[in-house]
Amino acid sequence: MTKLTRRVLFTSAGSAALLTAAGCSNGLGSNGAEQIDARVDAALNYLFSTYPSTRDLADKAAGMLVMPLVTRVGLGIGGAYGRGALRVGGVTVDYYSAAKASIGLQIGAQQYAHVLFFMTQDALAEFRNSPGWAVGADVRYVLKNEGETISVDTTTTLTPVIAVVFGQAGLIAGATIEGTKYTRIIP
């Protein structure tokens, strides 16, 4: 008779999460910068055509970090990972990964995209100069998890960092980027 211990349970949950993540097309093992840039272009095209007011945000932003595909999995212990590009003046200047870990009541998998609009030069400089930047309290969400309409107002454009989460698909409800850490990478 096999005795079920916490170690076996956590190892099984972690293994299931890793296998699920490996099966998702999240950019791991991709063709590098070209594939990331192509995904970023597609994500921005979708965002601007689905939510036209986000184009105003992009025009006013000092820069934007586009994460075109983030894969999130969870079975008690969960995590999320994706890769994207930082664009300044419409040009890619750096590549980043986004990683997040979580623990709690969760099961399933989900994919989504998000864009961080850096509305001030100071916010953009702080992001670029940090060895690993995590989403904090100064980030304002302008798109609810359910995909409601985005409204851009004076308050929104005065916020240093604005997050837009979109394109959710999968079995875990509520894509968020809270607790996500961004790290510069070489694709």
C-alpha atoms as a PDB file:
ATOM      1  CA  MET A   1       0.000   0.000   0.000  1.00  0.00           C
ATOM      2  CA  THR A   2       1.358   3.426  -1.002  1.00  0.00           C
ATOM      3  CA  LYS A   3       1.212   6.075   1.681  1.00  0.00           C
ATOM      4  CA  LEU A   4       0.141   9.517   0.381  1.00  0.00           C
ATOM      5  CA  THR A   5       2.254  12.254   1.936  1.00  0.00           C
ATOM      6  CA  ARG A   6       2.371  16.014   1.436  1.00  0.00           C
ATOM      7  CA  ARG A   7       5.650  15.604  -0.437  1.00  0.00           C
ATOM      8  CA  VAL A   8       4.006  13.225  -2.934  1.00  0.00           C
ATOM      9  CA  LEU A   9       0.983  15.514  -3.246  1.00  0.00           C
ATOM     10  CA  PHE A  10       3.054  18.674  -3.882  1.00  0.00           C
ATOM     11  CA  THR A  11       5.415  16.837  -6.229  1.00  0.00           C
ATOM     12  CA  SER A  12       2.459  15.491  -8.203  1.00  0.00           C
ATOM     13  CA  ALA A  13       0.795  18.913  -8.370  1.00  0.00           C
ATOM     14  CA  GLY A  14       4.037  20.576  -9.437  1.00  0.00           C
ATOM     15  CA  SER A  15       4.698  17.931 -12.077  1.00  0.00           C
ATOM     16  CA  ALA A  16       1.187  18.296 -13.480  1.00  0.00           C
ATOM     17  CA  ALA A  17       1.583  22.076 -13.672  1.00  0.00           C
ATOM     18  CA  LEU A  18       4.941  21.777 -15.441  1.00  0.00           C
ATOM     19  CA  LEU A  19       3.626  19.219 -17.939  1.00  0.00           C
ATOM     20  CA  THR A  20       0.627  21.422 -18.703  1.00  0.00           C
ATOM     21  CA  ALA A  21       2.895  24.435 -19.215  1.00  0.00           C
ATOM     22  CA  ALA A  22       5.200  22.445 -21.470  1.00  0.00           C
ATOM     23  CA  GLY A  23       2.267  21.526 -23.662  1.00  0.00           C
ATOM     24  CA  CYS A  24       1.206  25.137 -24.201  1.00  0.00           C
ATOM     25  CA  SER A  25       2.616  27.339 -26.934  1.00  0.00           C
ATOM     26  CA  ASN A  26       4.011  30.112 -24.745  1.00  0.00           C
ATOM     27  CA  GLY A  27       7.165  31.064 -26.601  1.00  0.00           C
ATOM     28  CA  LEU A  28       9.550  28.655 -24.900  1.00  0.00           C
ATOM     29  CA  GLY A  29      11.973  27.283 -27.476  1.00  0.00           C
ATOM     30  CA  SER A  30      10.850  29.817 -30.062  1.00  0.00           C
ATOM     31  CA  ASN A  31      12.864  31.320 -32.906  1.00  0.00           C
ATOM     32  CA  GLY A  32      13.916  34.205 -30.714  1.00  0.00           C
ATOM     33  CA  ALA A  33      13.422  37.878 -31.351  1.00  0.00           C
ATOM     34  CA  GLU A  34      11.652  37.531 -34.702  1.00  0.00           C
ATOM     35  CA  GLN A  35       8.915  35.328 -33.273  1.00  0.00           C
ATOM     36  CA  ILE A  36       8.453  37.533 -30.203  1.00  0.00           C
ATOM     37  CA  ASP A  37       8.187  40.640 -32.413  1.00  0.00           C
ATOM     38  CA  ALA A  38       5.654  38.925 -34.701  1.00  0.00           C
ATOM     39  CA  ARG A  39       3.540  37.948 -31.685  1.00  0.00           C
ATOM     40  CA  VAL A  40       3.804  41.474 -30.274  1.00  0.00           C
ATOM     41  CA  ASP A  41       2.614  42.934 -33.597  1.00  0.00           C
ATOM     42  CA  ALA A  42      -0.339  40.515 -33.718  1.00  0.00           C
ATOM     43  CA  ALA A  43      -1.285  41.251 -30.093  1.00  0.00           C
ATOM     44  CA  LEU A  44      -1.189  45.015 -30.676  1.00  0.00           C
ATOM     45  CA  ASN A  45      -3.265  44.695 -33.850  1.00  0.00           C
ATOM     46  CA  TYR A  46      -5.865  42.697 -31.915  1.00  0.00           C
ATOM     47  CA  LEU A  47      -5.826  45.147 -28.984  1.00  0.00           C
ATOM     48  CA  PHE A  48      -6.174  48.259 -31.150  1.00  0.00           C
ATOM     49  CA  SER A  49      -8.934  46.766 -33.331  1.00  0.00           C
ATOM     50  CA  THR A  50     -10.910  45.332 -30.400  1.00  0.00           C
ATOM     51  CA  TYR A  51     -10.416  48.294 -28.032  1.00  0.00           C
ATOM     52  CA  PRO A  52      -9.758  51.368 -30.224  1.00  0.00           C
ATOM     53  CA  SER A  53      -9.286  53.699 -27.234  1.00  0.00           C
ATOM     54  CA  THR A  54      -6.053  51.855 -26.366  1.00  0.00           C
ATOM     55  CA  ARG A  55      -4.450  53.490 -29.388  1.00  0.00           C
ATOM     56  CA  ASP A  56      -4.739  56.811 -27.492  1.00  0.00           C
ATOM     57  CA  LEU A  57      -2.882  55.226 -24.569  1.00  0.00           C
ATOM     58  CA  ALA A  58      -0.142  53.996 -26.895  1.00  0.00           C
ATOM     59  CA  ASP A  59       0.207  57.456 -28.469  1.00  0.00           C
ATOM     60  CA  LYS A  60       0.549  59.125 -25.030  1.00  0.00           C
ATOM     61  CA  ALA A  61       2.806  56.472 -23.455  1.00  0.00           C
ATOM     62  CA  ALA A  62       6.565  56.899 -23.078  1.00  0.00           C
ATOM     63  CA  GLY A  63       6.852  53.171 -23.798  1.00  0.00           C
ATOM     64  CA  MET A  64       4.922  49.952 -23.560  1.00  0.00           C
ATOM     65  CA  LEU A  65       5.753  46.405 -22.562  1.00  0.00           C
ATOM     66  CA  VAL A  66       3.743  43.958 -24.659  1.00  0.00           C
ATOM     67  CA  MET A  67       3.379  40.396 -23.392  1.00  0.00           C
ATOM     68  CA  PRO A  68       1.511  38.737 -26.278  1.00  0.00           C
ATOM     69  CA  LEU A  69       1.093  35.310 -24.714  1.00  0.00           C
ATOM     70  CA  VAL A  70       1.253  34.402 -21.038  1.00  0.00           C
ATOM     71  CA  THR A  71       0.444  30.829 -20.056  1.00  0.00           C
ATOM     72  CA  ARG A  72      -0.886  30.261 -16.546  1.00  0.00           C
ATOM     73  CA  VAL A  73      -1.382  26.790 -15.017  1.00  0.00           C
ATOM     74  CA  GLY A  74      -2.382  25.699 -11.574  1.00  0.00           C
ATOM     75  CA  LEU A  75      -3.167  22.626  -9.552  1.00  0.00           C
ATOM     76  CA  GLY A  76      -2.891  23.840  -5.970  1.00  0.00           C
ATOM     77  CA  ILE A  77       0.505  25.309  -6.860  1.00  0.00           C
ATOM     78  CA  GLY A  78       0.498  27.441  -9.971  1.00  0.00           C
ATOM     79  CA  GLY A  79       2.567  29.662 -12.132  1.00  0.00           C
ATOM     80  CA  ALA A  80       2.576  31.789 -15.243  1.00  0.00           C
ATOM     81  CA  TYR A  81       5.220  32.538 -17.843  1.00  0.00           C
ATOM     82  CA  GLY A  82       5.472  34.533 -21.041  1.00  0.00           C
ATOM     83  CA  ARG A  83       7.869  36.567 -23.144  1.00  0.00           C
ATOM     84  CA  GLY A  84       7.423  39.927 -24.783  1.00  0.00           C
ATOM     85  CA  ALA A  85       9.017  43.147 -25.952  1.00  0.00           C
ATOM     86  CA  LEU A  86       9.457  46.671 -24.648  1.00  0.00           C
ATOM     87  CA  ARG A  87       8.649  49.207 -27.340  1.00  0.00           C
ATOM     88  CA  VAL A  88       9.626  52.858 -27.240  1.00  0.00           C
ATOM     89  CA  GLY A  89       8.503  55.040 -30.124  1.00  0.00           C
ATOM     90  CA  GLY A  90       7.097  51.961 -31.870  1.00  0.00           C
ATOM     91  CA  VAL A  91      10.497  50.225 -31.926  1.00  0.00           C
ATOM     92  CA  THR A  92      11.524  47.194 -29.859  1.00  0.00           C
ATOM     93  CA  VAL A  93      14.345  48.172 -27.496  1.00  0.00           C
ATOM     94  CA  ASP A  94      14.480  45.134 -25.160  1.00  0.00           C
ATOM     95  CA  TYR A  95      12.924  41.724 -24.548  1.00  0.00           C
ATOM     96  CA  TYR A  96      11.452  40.588 -21.227  1.00  0.00           C
ATOM     97  CA  SER A  97      10.029  37.534 -19.545  1.00  0.00           C
ATOM     98  CA  ALA A  98       7.108  37.638 -17.131  1.00  0.00           C
ATOM     99  CA  ALA A  99       6.921  35.064 -14.351  1.00  0.00           C
ATOM    100  CA  LYS A 100       4.434  34.565 -11.550  1.00  0.00           C
ATOM    101  CA  ALA A 101       3.944  31.899  -8.888  1.00  0.00           C
ATOM    102  CA  SER A 102       0.870  31.241  -6.786  1.00  0.00           C
ATOM    103  CA  ILE A 103      -0.473  28.796  -4.260  1.00  0.00           C
ATOM    104  CA  GLY A 104      -4.047  28.185  -3.220  1.00  0.00           C
ATOM    105  CA  LEU A 105      -7.320  26.819  -4.481  1.00  0.00           C
ATOM    106  CA  GLN A 106      -6.763  26.632  -8.242  1.00  0.00           C
ATOM    107  CA  ILE A 107      -6.935  24.118 -11.020  1.00  0.00           C
ATOM    108  CA  GLY A 108      -6.702  24.541 -14.778  1.00  0.00           C
ATOM    109  CA  ALA A 109      -4.841  26.451 -17.435  1.00  0.00           C
ATOM    110  CA  GLN A 110      -5.292  29.801 -19.130  1.00  0.00           C
ATOM    111  CA  GLN A 111      -3.590  31.989 -21.690  1.00  0.00           C
ATOM    112  CA  TYR A 112      -3.871  35.750 -21.973  1.00  0.00           C
ATOM    113  CA  ALA A 113      -2.016  38.831 -23.180  1.00  0.00           C
ATOM    114  CA  HIS A 114      -1.277  42.105 -21.472  1.00  0.00           C
ATOM    115  CA  VAL A 115       0.333  45.449 -22.128  1.00  0.00           C
ATOM    116  CA  LEU A 116       1.927  47.774 -19.581  1.00  0.00           C
ATOM    117  CA  PHE A 117       1.739  51.382 -20.757  1.00  0.00           C
ATOM    118  CA  PHE A 118       4.432  53.515 -19.115  1.00  0.00           C
ATOM    119  CA  MET A 119       2.806  56.949 -19.073  1.00  0.00           C
ATOM    120  CA  THR A 120       5.834  58.877 -17.756  1.00  0.00           C
ATOM    121  CA  GLN A 121       9.526  58.887 -18.604  1.00  0.00           C
ATOM    122  CA  ASP A 122      10.289  58.300 -14.902  1.00  0.00           C
ATOM    123  CA  ALA A 123       8.152  55.131 -14.786  1.00  0.00           C
ATOM    124  CA  LEU A 124       9.796  53.851 -17.972  1.00  0.00           C
ATOM    125  CA  ALA A 125      13.301  54.630 -16.663  1.00  0.00           C
ATOM    126  CA  GLU A 126      12.583  52.905 -13.338  1.00  0.00           C
ATOM    127  CA  PHE A 127      11.393  49.805 -15.196  1.00  0.00           C
ATOM    128  CA  ARG A 128      14.374  49.707 -17.557  1.00  0.00           C
ATOM    129  CA  ASN A 129      16.951  50.305 -14.818  1.00  0.00           C
ATOM    130  CA  SER A 130      15.687  47.661 -12.401  1.00  0.00           C
ATOM    131  CA  PRO A 131      17.221  44.158 -12.430  1.00  0.00           C
ATOM    132  CA  GLY A 132      13.759  42.639 -11.974  1.00  0.00           C
ATOM    133  CA  TRP A 133      10.613  44.749 -11.799  1.00  0.00           C
ATOM    134  CA  ALA A 134       7.448  43.535 -10.077  1.00  0.00           C
ATOM    135  CA  VAL A 135       3.947  44.896 -10.524  1.00  0.00           C
ATOM    136  CA  GLY A 136       3.174  47.178  -7.587  1.00  0.00           C
ATOM    137  CA  ALA A 137       0.437  49.387  -6.212  1.00  0.00           C
ATOM    138  CA  ASP A 138       1.176  52.182  -8.710  1.00  0.00           C
ATOM    139  CA  VAL A 139      -0.242  50.120 -11.594  1.00  0.00           C
ATOM    140  CA  ARG A 140      -3.800  50.930 -12.636  1.00  0.00           C
ATOM    141  CA  TYR A 141      -5.954  48.445 -14.539  1.00  0.00           C
ATOM    142  CA  VAL A 142      -8.188  49.879 -17.242  1.00  0.00           C
ATOM    143  CA  LEU A 143      -9.639  46.601 -18.473  1.00  0.00           C
ATOM    144  CA  LYS A 144     -11.512  44.293 -16.129  1.00  0.00           C
ATOM    145  CA  ASN A 145     -10.981  40.537 -16.304  1.00  0.00           C
ATOM    146  CA  GLU A 146     -14.337  40.110 -18.005  1.00  0.00           C
ATOM    147  CA  GLY A 147     -13.269  42.209 -21.004  1.00  0.00           C
ATOM    148  CA  GLU A 148     -15.340  45.319 -20.399  1.00  0.00           C
ATOM    149  CA  THR A 149     -14.912  48.488 -22.442  1.00  0.00           C
ATOM    150  CA  ILE A 150     -11.768  50.501 -21.809  1.00  0.00           C
ATOM    151  CA  SER A 151     -12.205  54.136 -20.927  1.00  0.00           C
ATOM    152  CA  VAL A 152      -9.321  56.553 -21.093  1.00  0.00           C
ATOM    153  CA  ASP A 153      -9.748  59.612 -18.923  1.00  0.00           C
ATOM    154  CA  THR A 154      -7.563  62.283 -17.325  1.00  0.00           C
ATOM    155  CA  THR A 155      -7.060  60.199 -14.170  1.00  0.00           C
ATOM    156  CA  THR A 156      -5.975  57.198 -16.222  1.00  0.00           C
ATOM    157  CA  THR A 157      -3.442  59.115 -18.288  1.00  0.00           C
ATOM    158  CA  LEU A 158      -1.877  60.641 -15.136  1.00  0.00           C
ATOM    159  CA  THR A 159      -1.176  57.187 -13.678  1.00  0.00           C
ATOM    160  CA  PRO A 160       2.511  56.194 -14.097  1.00  0.00           C
ATOM    161  CA  VAL A 161       1.793  52.626 -15.326  1.00  0.00           C
ATOM    162  CA  ILE A 162      -1.438  51.375 -16.886  1.00  0.00           C
ATOM    163  CA  ALA A 163      -2.102  47.659 -17.372  1.00  0.00           C
ATOM    164  CA  VAL A 164      -4.454  46.237 -19.985  1.00  0.00           C
ATOM    165  CA  VAL A 165      -5.187  42.492 -19.770  1.00  0.00           C
ATOM    166  CA  PHE A 166      -6.985  40.981 -22.782  1.00  0.00           C
ATOM    167  CA  GLY A 167      -7.520  37.872 -24.906  1.00  0.00           C
ATOM    168  CA  GLN A 168      -8.215  35.510 -22.006  1.00  0.00           C
ATOM    169  CA  ALA A 169      -8.828  31.896 -22.956  1.00  0.00           C
ATOM    170  CA  GLY A 170      -8.815  28.861 -20.730  1.00  0.00           C
ATOM    171  CA  LEU A 171     -10.221  27.256 -17.628  1.00  0.00           C
ATOM    172  CA  ILE A 172      -8.878  29.462 -14.798  1.00  0.00           C
ATOM    173  CA  ALA A 173     -11.095  32.483 -14.175  1.00  0.00           C
ATOM    174  CA  GLY A 174      -9.545  35.925 -13.763  1.00  0.00           C
ATOM    175  CA  ALA A 175      -6.254  36.690 -15.469  1.00  0.00           C
ATOM    176  CA  THR A 176      -4.279  39.221 -13.449  1.00  0.00           C
ATOM    177  CA  ILE A 177      -0.702  40.392 -13.466  1.00  0.00           C
ATOM    178  CA  GLU A 178      -0.461  41.173  -9.753  1.00  0.00           C
ATOM    179  CA  GLY A 179       2.705  39.646  -8.362  1.00  0.00           C
ATOM    180  CA  THR A 180       4.268  39.235 -11.798  1.00  0.00           C
ATOM    181  CA  LYS A 181       8.014  39.828 -12.055  1.00  0.00           C
ATOM    182  CA  TYR A 182       9.537  41.091 -15.306  1.00  0.00           C
ATOM    183  CA  THR A 183      13.151  40.330 -16.186  1.00  0.00           C
ATOM    184  CA  ARG A 184      15.175  41.423 -19.220  1.00  0.00           C
ATOM    185  CA  ILE A 185      16.129  38.481 -21.447  1.00  0.00           C
ATOM    186  CA  ILE A 186      18.152  37.777 -24.572  1.00  0.00           C
ATOM    187  CA  PRO A 187      15.910  35.762 -26.904  1.00  0.00           C
END
